[in-house]
């Protein structure tokens, strides 16, 4: 963790409460500020941050909209660290293409994503796909939690959606994945 001040933002008070416990347990109270707010309406002054870090969340606003919206809050020549789902192929399997067109229609190839990033006033300093190990760190706890639930005692659309997403991940991760981007705000 950096030596500077970290502002952790979420619009869910429950998630922030859990983070608050970890912050306190690790004696980071003086270095981590928690704020309940929406990433779509950031309550900060312009050029407030050296770095904005947003993993797996830009898609909520739309990747390009998120980059445009967050840019004013980053200091000149500051950084944006962000991840996004991208296609690893120009010809994904029809089933996975259909799934992601329904769930994330803005998903595109790395080449197109980088071109969009450059047109929004950022330079890509580094970019890499998240590993299969990282995916497993995400999927394993979901699989375990789902296995604990019986269909008779707990049934919901959200649970069905999560099961469908896990199935897509299990079968088609060669077609797509998360790409991690380290961006620098252009001075102009």
C-alpha atoms as a PDB file:
ATOM      1  CA  UNK A   1       0.000   0.000   0.000  1.00  0.00           C
ATOM      2  CA  UNK A   2       1.315   3.458  -0.783  1.00  0.00           C
ATOM      3  CA  UNK A   3       2.482   5.760   1.983  1.00  0.00           C
ATOM      4  CA  UNK A   4      -0.027   8.442   0.982  1.00  0.00           C
ATOM      5  CA  UNK A   5      -3.655   8.926   1.890  1.00  0.00           C
ATOM      6  CA  UNK A   6      -6.140   6.539   0.253  1.00  0.00           C
ATOM      7  CA  UNK A   7      -9.781   7.499  -0.245  1.00  0.00           C
ATOM      8  CA  UNK A   8     -11.899   4.357  -0.613  1.00  0.00           C
ATOM      9  CA  UNK A   9     -15.251   5.076  -2.184  1.00  0.00           C
ATOM     10  CA  UNK A  10     -18.316   2.839  -2.492  1.00  0.00           C
ATOM     11  CA  UNK A  11     -22.022   3.503  -2.630  1.00  0.00           C
ATOM     12  CA  UNK A  12     -22.795   0.522  -0.381  1.00  0.00           C
ATOM     13  CA  UNK A  13     -22.547   1.214   3.352  1.00  0.00           C
ATOM     14  CA  UNK A  14     -22.345  -2.528   4.162  1.00  0.00           C
ATOM     15  CA  UNK A  15     -19.261  -2.951   1.980  1.00  0.00           C
ATOM     16  CA  UNK A  16     -17.658   0.101   3.568  1.00  0.00           C
ATOM     17  CA  UNK A  17     -18.378  -1.279   7.048  1.00  0.00           C
ATOM     18  CA  UNK A  18     -16.535  -4.484   6.165  1.00  0.00           C
ATOM     19  CA  UNK A  19     -13.639  -2.458   4.770  1.00  0.00           C
ATOM     20  CA  UNK A  20     -13.642  -0.290   7.910  1.00  0.00           C
ATOM     21  CA  UNK A  21     -13.072  -3.458   9.983  1.00  0.00           C
ATOM     22  CA  UNK A  22     -10.052  -4.407   7.845  1.00  0.00           C
ATOM     23  CA  UNK A  23      -8.671  -0.859   7.973  1.00  0.00           C
ATOM     24  CA  UNK A  24      -8.931  -0.814  11.771  1.00  0.00           C
ATOM     25  CA  UNK A  25      -7.524  -4.341  12.140  1.00  0.00           C
ATOM     26  CA  UNK A  26      -4.471  -3.298  10.109  1.00  0.00           C
ATOM     27  CA  UNK A  27      -4.004   0.036  11.918  1.00  0.00           C
ATOM     28  CA  UNK A  28      -4.569   2.053   8.743  1.00  0.00           C
ATOM     29  CA  UNK A  29      -7.166   4.468  10.148  1.00  0.00           C
ATOM     30  CA  UNK A  30      -4.921   7.484   9.591  1.00  0.00           C
ATOM     31  CA  UNK A  31      -4.131   6.554   5.982  1.00  0.00           C
ATOM     32  CA  UNK A  32      -7.474   5.313   4.636  1.00  0.00           C
ATOM     33  CA  UNK A  33     -10.530   7.538   4.399  1.00  0.00           C
ATOM     34  CA  UNK A  34     -13.841   5.801   3.664  1.00  0.00           C
ATOM     35  CA  UNK A  35     -16.563   7.613   1.787  1.00  0.00           C
ATOM     36  CA  UNK A  36     -20.066   6.491   0.853  1.00  0.00           C
ATOM     37  CA  UNK A  37     -20.746   8.089  -2.529  1.00  0.00           C
ATOM     38  CA  UNK A  38     -21.401   7.204  -6.142  1.00  0.00           C
ATOM     39  CA  UNK A  39     -18.573   7.010  -8.654  1.00  0.00           C
ATOM     40  CA  UNK A  40     -20.944   8.750 -11.077  1.00  0.00           C
ATOM     41  CA  UNK A  41     -21.133  11.879  -8.862  1.00  0.00           C
ATOM     42  CA  UNK A  42     -17.756  12.255  -7.220  1.00  0.00           C
ATOM     43  CA  UNK A  43     -17.729  14.866  -4.428  1.00  0.00           C
ATOM     44  CA  UNK A  44     -14.145  16.041  -4.956  1.00  0.00           C
ATOM     45  CA  UNK A  45     -12.354  19.152  -6.194  1.00  0.00           C
ATOM     46  CA  UNK A  46     -10.730  19.069  -9.629  1.00  0.00           C
ATOM     47  CA  UNK A  47      -7.178  17.662  -9.665  1.00  0.00           C
ATOM     48  CA  UNK A  48      -7.617  16.061  -6.240  1.00  0.00           C
ATOM     49  CA  UNK A  49      -5.817  12.778  -6.868  1.00  0.00           C
ATOM     50  CA  UNK A  50      -2.417  11.581  -7.999  1.00  0.00           C
ATOM     51  CA  UNK A  51      -4.020   8.251  -8.913  1.00  0.00           C
ATOM     52  CA  UNK A  52      -7.540   6.939  -9.364  1.00  0.00           C
ATOM     53  CA  UNK A  53      -7.771   3.151  -9.074  1.00  0.00           C
ATOM     54  CA  UNK A  54     -10.917   1.452 -10.376  1.00  0.00           C
ATOM     55  CA  UNK A  55     -10.854  -2.299 -10.876  1.00  0.00           C
ATOM     56  CA  UNK A  56     -13.833  -3.988 -12.491  1.00  0.00           C
ATOM     57  CA  UNK A  57     -16.163  -1.011 -12.087  1.00  0.00           C
ATOM     58  CA  UNK A  58     -15.843   1.308 -15.096  1.00  0.00           C
ATOM     59  CA  UNK A  59     -18.293  -0.811 -17.093  1.00  0.00           C
ATOM     60  CA  UNK A  60     -21.117   0.350 -14.803  1.00  0.00           C
ATOM     61  CA  UNK A  61     -20.868   3.853 -16.292  1.00  0.00           C
ATOM     62  CA  UNK A  62     -19.578   2.665 -19.637  1.00  0.00           C
ATOM     63  CA  UNK A  63     -15.813   2.487 -20.000  1.00  0.00           C
ATOM     64  CA  UNK A  64     -15.426   5.672 -22.058  1.00  0.00           C
ATOM     65  CA  UNK A  65     -17.883   7.615 -19.909  1.00  0.00           C
ATOM     66  CA  UNK A  66     -16.020   6.573 -16.772  1.00  0.00           C
ATOM     67  CA  UNK A  67     -12.661   7.705 -18.154  1.00  0.00           C
ATOM     68  CA  UNK A  68     -14.144  11.064 -19.215  1.00  0.00           C
ATOM     69  CA  UNK A  69     -15.930  11.535 -15.894  1.00  0.00           C
ATOM     70  CA  UNK A  70     -12.903  10.714 -13.711  1.00  0.00           C
ATOM     71  CA  UNK A  71     -10.313  12.648 -15.744  1.00  0.00           C
ATOM     72  CA  UNK A  72     -10.977  16.075 -14.112  1.00  0.00           C
ATOM     73  CA  UNK A  73     -10.252  14.620 -10.657  1.00  0.00           C
ATOM     74  CA  UNK A  74      -6.781  13.403 -11.641  1.00  0.00           C
ATOM     75  CA  UNK A  75      -3.865  15.810 -11.262  1.00  0.00           C
ATOM     76  CA  UNK A  76      -1.993  16.824 -14.440  1.00  0.00           C
ATOM     77  CA  UNK A  77       0.073  13.866 -15.590  1.00  0.00           C
ATOM     78  CA  UNK A  78      -1.521  11.758 -12.837  1.00  0.00           C
ATOM     79  CA  UNK A  79      -2.611   8.167 -13.254  1.00  0.00           C
ATOM     80  CA  UNK A  80      -5.703   6.060 -13.764  1.00  0.00           C
ATOM     81  CA  UNK A  81      -5.470   2.357 -13.041  1.00  0.00           C
ATOM     82  CA  UNK A  82      -8.483   0.547 -14.431  1.00  0.00           C
ATOM     83  CA  UNK A  83      -9.542  -2.890 -15.632  1.00  0.00           C
ATOM     84  CA  UNK A  84     -12.096  -3.871 -18.215  1.00  0.00           C
ATOM     85  CA  UNK A  85     -13.450  -6.961 -19.924  1.00  0.00           C
ATOM     86  CA  UNK A  86     -12.193  -7.266 -23.477  1.00  0.00           C
ATOM     87  CA  UNK A  87     -12.380  -9.765 -26.295  1.00  0.00           C
ATOM     88  CA  UNK A  88      -9.188 -11.747 -26.907  1.00  0.00           C
ATOM     89  CA  UNK A  89     -10.467 -12.749 -30.341  1.00  0.00           C
ATOM     90  CA  UNK A  90     -12.289 -11.097 -33.231  1.00  0.00           C
ATOM     91  CA  UNK A  91     -14.443 -14.221 -33.557  1.00  0.00           C
ATOM     92  CA  UNK A  92     -15.753 -15.293 -30.143  1.00  0.00           C
ATOM     93  CA  UNK A  93     -18.016 -18.338 -29.877  1.00  0.00           C
ATOM     94  CA  UNK A  94     -21.621 -17.374 -30.583  1.00  0.00           C
ATOM     95  CA  UNK A  95     -22.839 -18.377 -27.107  1.00  0.00           C
ATOM     96  CA  UNK A  96     -20.330 -16.205 -25.257  1.00  0.00           C
ATOM     97  CA  UNK A  97     -20.838 -13.349 -27.720  1.00  0.00           C
ATOM     98  CA  UNK A  98     -24.586 -13.473 -27.085  1.00  0.00           C
ATOM     99  CA  UNK A  99     -24.056 -13.568 -23.309  1.00  0.00           C
ATOM    100  CA  UNK A 100     -21.759 -10.531 -23.234  1.00  0.00           C
ATOM    101  CA  UNK A 101     -23.745  -8.530 -25.796  1.00  0.00           C
ATOM    102  CA  UNK A 102     -26.646  -8.836 -23.360  1.00  0.00           C
ATOM    103  CA  UNK A 103     -24.586  -8.161 -20.201  1.00  0.00           C
ATOM    104  CA  UNK A 104     -21.827  -5.827 -21.402  1.00  0.00           C
ATOM    105  CA  UNK A 105     -22.472  -4.565 -24.934  1.00  0.00           C
ATOM    106  CA  UNK A 106     -19.529  -2.089 -24.714  1.00  0.00           C
ATOM    107  CA  UNK A 107     -17.034  -4.979 -24.570  1.00  0.00           C
ATOM    108  CA  UNK A 108     -14.495  -4.706 -27.382  1.00  0.00           C
ATOM    109  CA  UNK A 109     -11.023  -5.841 -28.443  1.00  0.00           C
ATOM    110  CA  UNK A 110      -7.789  -4.621 -26.879  1.00  0.00           C
ATOM    111  CA  UNK A 111      -6.874  -2.659 -30.002  1.00  0.00           C
ATOM    112  CA  UNK A 112     -10.181  -0.766 -30.001  1.00  0.00           C
ATOM    113  CA  UNK A 113     -10.084  -0.196 -26.247  1.00  0.00           C
ATOM    114  CA  UNK A 114      -6.559   1.288 -26.461  1.00  0.00           C
ATOM    115  CA  UNK A 115      -7.609   3.531 -29.339  1.00  0.00           C
ATOM    116  CA  UNK A 116     -10.546   4.774 -27.259  1.00  0.00           C
ATOM    117  CA  UNK A 117      -8.319   5.367 -24.251  1.00  0.00           C
ATOM    118  CA  UNK A 118      -5.903   7.456 -26.323  1.00  0.00           C
ATOM    119  CA  UNK A 119      -8.747   9.553 -27.748  1.00  0.00           C
ATOM    120  CA  UNK A 120      -9.943  10.354 -24.197  1.00  0.00           C
ATOM    121  CA  UNK A 121      -6.719  12.077 -23.164  1.00  0.00           C
ATOM    122  CA  UNK A 122      -4.745   9.239 -21.629  1.00  0.00           C
ATOM    123  CA  UNK A 123      -1.576   7.414 -22.560  1.00  0.00           C
ATOM    124  CA  UNK A 124      -1.381   3.660 -21.938  1.00  0.00           C
ATOM    125  CA  UNK A 125       1.799   3.103 -19.914  1.00  0.00           C
ATOM    126  CA  UNK A 126       1.249  -0.613 -19.369  1.00  0.00           C
ATOM    127  CA  UNK A 127      -1.445  -3.158 -20.003  1.00  0.00           C
ATOM    128  CA  UNK A 128      -1.785  -6.865 -19.308  1.00  0.00           C
ATOM    129  CA  UNK A 129      -4.511  -9.514 -19.063  1.00  0.00           C
ATOM    130  CA  UNK A 130      -5.410 -10.809 -15.644  1.00  0.00           C
ATOM    131  CA  UNK A 131      -4.227 -14.377 -15.162  1.00  0.00           C
ATOM    132  CA  UNK A 132      -6.340 -17.517 -14.914  1.00  0.00           C
ATOM    133  CA  UNK A 133      -5.197 -17.644 -11.283  1.00  0.00           C
ATOM    134  CA  UNK A 134      -6.820 -14.231 -10.701  1.00  0.00           C
ATOM    135  CA  UNK A 135     -10.039 -15.515 -12.288  1.00  0.00           C
ATOM    136  CA  UNK A 136      -9.962 -18.547 -10.010  1.00  0.00           C
ATOM    137  CA  UNK A 137      -9.547 -16.262  -6.982  1.00  0.00           C
ATOM    138  CA  UNK A 138     -12.801 -14.632  -8.060  1.00  0.00           C
ATOM    139  CA  UNK A 139     -14.692 -17.771  -9.118  1.00  0.00           C
ATOM    140  CA  UNK A 140     -13.760 -20.242  -6.349  1.00  0.00           C
ATOM    141  CA  UNK A 141     -15.506 -18.347  -3.517  1.00  0.00           C
ATOM    142  CA  UNK A 142     -18.588 -17.891  -5.728  1.00  0.00           C
ATOM    143  CA  UNK A 143     -18.709 -21.617  -6.490  1.00  0.00           C
ATOM    144  CA  UNK A 144     -18.357 -22.434  -2.779  1.00  0.00           C
ATOM    145  CA  UNK A 145     -21.113 -20.017  -1.764  1.00  0.00           C
ATOM    146  CA  UNK A 146     -23.465 -21.346  -4.434  1.00  0.00           C
ATOM    147  CA  UNK A 147     -22.764 -24.936  -3.372  1.00  0.00           C
ATOM    148  CA  UNK A 148     -23.869 -24.020   0.173  1.00  0.00           C
ATOM    149  CA  UNK A 149     -27.248 -22.847  -1.089  1.00  0.00           C
ATOM    150  CA  UNK A 150     -29.972 -25.329  -1.911  1.00  0.00           C
ATOM    151  CA  UNK A 151     -32.341 -24.546  -4.766  1.00  0.00           C
ATOM    152  CA  UNK A 152     -35.279 -25.234  -2.449  1.00  0.00           C
ATOM    153  CA  UNK A 153     -34.190 -22.839   0.293  1.00  0.00           C
ATOM    154  CA  UNK A 154     -32.854 -20.039  -1.883  1.00  0.00           C
ATOM    155  CA  UNK A 155     -33.907 -19.228  -5.391  1.00  0.00           C
ATOM    156  CA  UNK A 156     -33.465 -15.912  -7.146  1.00  0.00           C
ATOM    157  CA  UNK A 157     -32.768 -14.363 -10.521  1.00  0.00           C
ATOM    158  CA  UNK A 158     -29.431 -13.090  -9.166  1.00  0.00           C
ATOM    159  CA  UNK A 159     -28.364 -16.629  -8.230  1.00  0.00           C
ATOM    160  CA  UNK A 160     -29.355 -17.906 -11.665  1.00  0.00           C
ATOM    161  CA  UNK A 161     -27.405 -15.065 -13.302  1.00  0.00           C
ATOM    162  CA  UNK A 162     -24.293 -15.852 -11.242  1.00  0.00           C
ATOM    163  CA  UNK A 163     -24.512 -19.550 -12.155  1.00  0.00           C
ATOM    164  CA  UNK A 164     -24.841 -18.617 -15.841  1.00  0.00           C
ATOM    165  CA  UNK A 165     -21.844 -16.289 -15.626  1.00  0.00           C
ATOM    166  CA  UNK A 166     -19.710 -18.955 -13.933  1.00  0.00           C
ATOM    167  CA  UNK A 167     -20.667 -21.425 -16.661  1.00  0.00           C
ATOM    168  CA  UNK A 168     -19.645 -18.916 -19.347  1.00  0.00           C
ATOM    169  CA  UNK A 169     -16.331 -18.280 -17.556  1.00  0.00           C
ATOM    170  CA  UNK A 170     -15.656 -22.001 -17.209  1.00  0.00           C
ATOM    171  CA  UNK A 171     -16.213 -22.658 -20.901  1.00  0.00           C
ATOM    172  CA  UNK A 172     -15.045 -19.524 -22.741  1.00  0.00           C
ATOM    173  CA  UNK A 173     -12.236 -17.714 -20.902  1.00  0.00           C
ATOM    174  CA  UNK A 174     -10.052 -18.184 -23.988  1.00  0.00           C
ATOM    175  CA  UNK A 175     -12.349 -15.752 -25.821  1.00  0.00           C
ATOM    176  CA  UNK A 176     -12.280 -12.881 -23.324  1.00  0.00           C
ATOM    177  CA  UNK A 177     -10.885 -11.684 -20.017  1.00  0.00           C
ATOM    178  CA  UNK A 178     -10.051  -8.705 -17.880  1.00  0.00           C
ATOM    179  CA  UNK A 179      -7.374  -6.395 -19.161  1.00  0.00           C
ATOM    180  CA  UNK A 180      -5.576  -4.250 -16.610  1.00  0.00           C
ATOM    181  CA  UNK A 181      -4.529  -0.771 -17.776  1.00  0.00           C
ATOM    182  CA  UNK A 182      -2.103   1.697 -16.208  1.00  0.00           C
ATOM    183  CA  UNK A 183      -2.860   5.049 -17.797  1.00  0.00           C
ATOM    184  CA  UNK A 184      -1.353   8.500 -17.499  1.00  0.00           C
ATOM    185  CA  UNK A 185      -3.433  11.605 -18.004  1.00  0.00           C
ATOM    186  CA  UNK A 186      -2.106  13.657 -20.895  1.00  0.00           C
ATOM    187  CA  UNK A 187      -1.175  17.191 -19.923  1.00  0.00           C
ATOM    188  CA  UNK A 188      -3.188  18.792 -22.727  1.00  0.00           C
END
